Amino acid sequence: MAGPDPERDGICAFTREDLVRICEQRFGKTMHCATMGRQLRKIGLSRQKARPSHPQKDPASQEAFKKSPATPEKTSAYA
């Protein structure tokens, strides 16, 4: 439940394919990825993916691009 260890496992999140491979290595049983998905849903887990992040993004330029909050004096027709 804690997830993979990136240094040891080489991945940052388990996919169904990864879990199928791990089950085959540890227990010697093979199963289809869809079967693994059904088993995960039975124990209350859902499929979640992290939102992708560009490796070269610049947080400073993102903040500069954001619009400042509008003030009623600037946007009101009656000001």
N, C-alpha and C. Protein backbone atom coordinates (compact mmCIF):
# COMPACT_ATOMS: atom_id res chain seq x y z
N MET A 1 0.82 -1.20 0.00
CA MET A 1 0.00 0.00 0.00
C MET A 1 0.86 1.26 0.00
N ALA A 2 2.10 1.17 0.44
CA ALA A 2 2.97 2.34 0.49
C ALA A 2 3.48 2.73 -0.89
N GLY A 3 3.41 1.84 -1.85
CA GLY A 3 3.89 2.15 -3.18
C GLY A 3 5.31 1.67 -3.39
N PRO A 4 5.80 1.82 -4.61
CA PRO A 4 7.14 1.33 -4.92
C PRO A 4 8.22 2.26 -4.39
N ASP A 5 9.40 1.71 -4.24
CA ASP A 5 10.57 2.48 -3.88
C ASP A 5 11.31 2.81 -5.19
N PRO A 6 11.38 4.09 -5.58
CA PRO A 6 11.99 4.41 -6.88
C PRO A 6 13.42 3.92 -7.04
N GLU A 7 14.21 3.94 -5.97
CA GLU A 7 15.60 3.48 -6.09
C GLU A 7 15.67 1.97 -6.29
N ARG A 8 14.82 1.24 -5.58
CA ARG A 8 14.86 -0.21 -5.65
C ARG A 8 14.10 -0.73 -6.87
N ASP A 9 12.88 -0.22 -7.09
CA ASP A 9 12.02 -0.75 -8.14
C ASP A 9 12.22 -0.08 -9.49
N GLY A 10 12.72 1.13 -9.50
CA GLY A 10 12.93 1.85 -10.75
C GLY A 10 11.68 2.49 -11.32
N ILE A 11 10.56 2.47 -10.57
CA ILE A 11 9.32 3.10 -11.00
C ILE A 11 8.79 3.94 -9.86
N CYS A 12 7.96 4.94 -10.19
CA CYS A 12 7.43 5.82 -9.15
C CYS A 12 5.98 5.50 -8.81
N ALA A 13 5.32 4.70 -9.63
CA ALA A 13 3.93 4.30 -9.36
C ALA A 13 3.70 2.94 -9.99
N PHE A 14 2.91 2.11 -9.32
CA PHE A 14 2.59 0.80 -9.85
C PHE A 14 1.50 0.90 -10.90
N THR A 15 1.70 0.22 -12.00
CA THR A 15 0.64 0.04 -12.99
C THR A 15 0.11 -1.38 -12.83
N ARG A 16 -1.01 -1.66 -13.49
CA ARG A 16 -1.53 -3.02 -13.42
C ARG A 16 -0.53 -4.01 -13.99
N GLU A 17 0.17 -3.62 -15.04
CA GLU A 17 1.17 -4.50 -15.65
C GLU A 17 2.29 -4.79 -14.66
N ASP A 18 2.71 -3.77 -13.91
CA ASP A 18 3.75 -3.97 -12.90
C ASP A 18 3.28 -4.93 -11.82
N LEU A 19 2.05 -4.78 -11.38
CA LEU A 19 1.51 -5.66 -10.34
C LEU A 19 1.36 -7.09 -10.83
N VAL A 20 0.98 -7.27 -12.10
CA VAL A 20 0.89 -8.61 -12.67
C VAL A 20 2.28 -9.26 -12.68
N ARG A 21 3.28 -8.49 -13.08
CA ARG A 21 4.66 -9.01 -13.13
C ARG A 21 5.16 -9.37 -11.73
N ILE A 22 4.86 -8.52 -10.75
CA ILE A 22 5.29 -8.79 -9.37
C ILE A 22 4.60 -10.04 -8.82
N CYS A 23 3.32 -10.20 -9.10
CA CYS A 23 2.59 -11.40 -8.65
C CYS A 23 3.18 -12.66 -9.28
N GLU A 24 3.56 -12.55 -10.55
CA GLU A 24 4.14 -13.70 -11.22
C GLU A 24 5.50 -14.05 -10.61
N GLN A 25 6.30 -13.03 -10.28
CA GLN A 25 7.61 -13.29 -9.69
C GLN A 25 7.49 -13.86 -8.27
N ARG A 26 6.62 -13.27 -7.46
CA ARG A 26 6.53 -13.67 -6.05
C ARG A 26 5.76 -14.97 -5.84
N PHE A 27 4.66 -15.14 -6.59
CA PHE A 27 3.76 -16.25 -6.31
C PHE A 27 3.71 -17.30 -7.41
N GLY A 28 4.31 -17.01 -8.57
CA GLY A 28 4.31 -17.97 -9.66
C GLY A 28 2.97 -18.09 -10.36
N LYS A 29 2.08 -17.13 -10.17
CA LYS A 29 0.76 -17.14 -10.80
C LYS A 29 0.68 -16.04 -11.84
N THR A 30 0.08 -16.37 -12.98
CA THR A 30 -0.09 -15.36 -14.01
C THR A 30 -1.56 -14.97 -14.08
N MET A 31 -1.81 -13.74 -14.46
CA MET A 31 -3.17 -13.27 -14.65
C MET A 31 -3.17 -12.14 -15.68
N HIS A 32 -4.32 -11.88 -16.23
CA HIS A 32 -4.47 -10.82 -17.21
C HIS A 32 -4.56 -9.49 -16.48
N CYS A 33 -4.18 -8.41 -17.15
CA CYS A 33 -4.22 -7.07 -16.54
C CYS A 33 -5.64 -6.68 -16.12
N ALA A 34 -6.63 -7.08 -16.92
CA ALA A 34 -8.02 -6.76 -16.56
C ALA A 34 -8.43 -7.48 -15.28
N THR A 35 -7.95 -8.70 -15.10
CA THR A 35 -8.23 -9.44 -13.87
C THR A 35 -7.60 -8.74 -12.68
N MET A 36 -6.39 -8.22 -12.86
CA MET A 36 -5.73 -7.47 -11.78
C MET A 36 -6.55 -6.23 -11.46
N GLY A 37 -7.09 -5.57 -12.46
CA GLY A 37 -7.92 -4.39 -12.22
C GLY A 37 -9.16 -4.72 -11.43
N ARG A 38 -9.79 -5.86 -11.73
CA ARG A 38 -10.97 -6.28 -10.97
C ARG A 38 -10.60 -6.58 -9.52
N GLN A 39 -9.45 -7.23 -9.31
CA GLN A 39 -9.01 -7.55 -7.95
C GLN A 39 -8.72 -6.27 -7.16
N LEU A 40 -8.13 -5.29 -7.81
CA LEU A 40 -7.83 -4.02 -7.14
C LEU A 40 -9.12 -3.29 -6.75
N ARG A 41 -10.13 -3.33 -7.63
CA ARG A 41 -11.41 -2.70 -7.30
C ARG A 41 -12.09 -3.41 -6.15
N LYS A 42 -11.95 -4.74 -6.07
CA LYS A 42 -12.57 -5.51 -4.98
C LYS A 42 -12.03 -5.09 -3.62
N ILE A 43 -10.76 -4.73 -3.56
CA ILE A 43 -10.19 -4.33 -2.27
C ILE A 43 -10.28 -2.82 -2.04
N GLY A 44 -11.00 -2.14 -2.92
CA GLY A 44 -11.28 -0.72 -2.70
C GLY A 44 -10.29 0.25 -3.30
N LEU A 45 -9.42 -0.20 -4.19
CA LEU A 45 -8.47 0.71 -4.83
C LEU A 45 -9.01 1.16 -6.17
N SER A 46 -8.66 2.36 -6.57
CA SER A 46 -9.11 2.89 -7.85
C SER A 46 -7.90 3.24 -8.70
N ARG A 47 -8.15 3.38 -9.98
CA ARG A 47 -7.09 3.74 -10.92
C ARG A 47 -6.88 5.25 -10.83
N GLN A 48 -5.69 5.64 -10.45
CA GLN A 48 -5.38 7.06 -10.36
C GLN A 48 -4.05 7.30 -11.04
N LYS A 49 -3.99 8.40 -11.74
CA LYS A 49 -2.75 8.78 -12.40
C LYS A 49 -2.39 10.19 -11.97
N ALA A 50 -1.13 10.41 -11.75
CA ALA A 50 -0.67 11.75 -11.40
C ALA A 50 -0.74 12.64 -12.62
N ARG A 51 -1.01 13.90 -12.39
CA ARG A 51 -1.04 14.84 -13.49
C ARG A 51 0.38 15.03 -14.01
N PRO A 52 0.60 14.96 -15.32
CA PRO A 52 1.95 15.08 -15.85
C PRO A 52 2.51 16.49 -15.63
N SER A 53 3.79 16.55 -15.45
CA SER A 53 4.48 17.82 -15.23
C SER A 53 5.67 17.88 -16.18
N HIS A 54 5.81 18.99 -16.89
CA HIS A 54 6.91 19.14 -17.83
C HIS A 54 8.21 19.28 -17.04
N PRO A 55 9.27 18.57 -17.42
CA PRO A 55 10.51 18.61 -16.65
C PRO A 55 11.23 19.96 -16.70
N GLN A 56 10.94 20.80 -17.69
CA GLN A 56 11.63 22.08 -17.82
C GLN A 56 10.74 23.27 -17.47
N LYS A 57 9.67 23.04 -16.72
CA LYS A 57 8.79 24.16 -16.39
C LYS A 57 9.49 25.12 -15.43
N ASP A 58 9.10 26.38 -15.51
CA ASP A 58 9.71 27.42 -14.69
C ASP A 58 8.63 28.01 -13.78
N PRO A 59 8.68 27.74 -12.47
CA PRO A 59 7.64 28.26 -11.56
C PRO A 59 7.57 29.78 -11.53
N ALA A 60 8.70 30.47 -11.70
CA ALA A 60 8.69 31.93 -11.67
C ALA A 60 7.91 32.50 -12.86
N SER A 61 8.11 31.91 -14.03
CA SER A 61 7.38 32.42 -15.20
C SER A 61 5.89 32.06 -15.12
N GLN A 62 5.55 30.95 -14.46
CA GLN A 62 4.15 30.61 -14.27
C GLN A 62 3.46 31.64 -13.38
N GLU A 63 4.11 32.06 -12.32
CA GLU A 63 3.55 33.07 -11.42
C GLU A 63 3.40 34.41 -12.14
N ALA A 64 4.37 34.77 -12.98
CA ALA A 64 4.30 36.03 -13.71
C ALA A 64 3.17 36.01 -14.74
N PHE A 65 2.85 34.86 -15.26
CA PHE A 65 1.81 34.74 -16.28
C PHE A 65 0.40 34.83 -15.69
N LYS A 66 0.25 34.45 -14.41
CA LYS A 66 -1.07 34.47 -13.78
C LYS A 66 -1.62 35.88 -13.73
N LYS A 67 -2.92 36.00 -13.94
CA LYS A 67 -3.57 37.31 -13.91
C LYS A 67 -3.78 37.74 -12.46
N SER A 68 -3.71 39.04 -12.23
CA SER A 68 -3.98 39.54 -10.89
C SER A 68 -5.50 39.57 -10.68
N PRO A 69 -5.94 39.46 -9.42
CA PRO A 69 -7.39 39.47 -9.18
C PRO A 69 -8.01 40.80 -9.61
N ALA A 70 -9.16 40.71 -10.19
CA ALA A 70 -9.84 41.91 -10.69
C ALA A 70 -10.42 42.71 -9.52
N THR A 71 -10.34 44.01 -9.62
CA THR A 71 -10.97 44.88 -8.60
C THR A 71 -12.22 45.46 -9.20
N PRO A 72 -13.25 45.69 -8.38
CA PRO A 72 -14.50 46.21 -8.92
C PRO A 72 -14.33 47.59 -9.59
N GLU A 73 -13.38 48.41 -9.11
CA GLU A 73 -13.20 49.74 -9.69
C GLU A 73 -12.74 49.66 -11.15
N LYS A 74 -11.94 48.67 -11.45
CA LYS A 74 -11.40 48.55 -12.80
C LYS A 74 -12.39 47.92 -13.77
N THR A 75 -13.27 47.04 -13.27
CA THR A 75 -14.13 46.30 -14.16
C THR A 75 -15.57 46.79 -14.17
N SER A 76 -15.91 47.72 -13.29
CA SER A 76 -17.30 48.17 -13.21
C SER A 76 -17.57 49.27 -14.22
N ALA A 77 -18.73 49.22 -14.85
CA ALA A 77 -19.12 50.24 -15.80
C ALA A 77 -19.56 51.50 -15.09
N TYR A 78 -19.89 51.41 -13.79
CA TYR A 78 -20.38 52.57 -13.02
C TYR A 78 -19.29 53.26 -12.23
N ALA A 79 -18.03 52.84 -12.36
CA ALA A 79 -16.95 53.43 -11.55
C ALA A 79 -16.59 54.82 -12.00
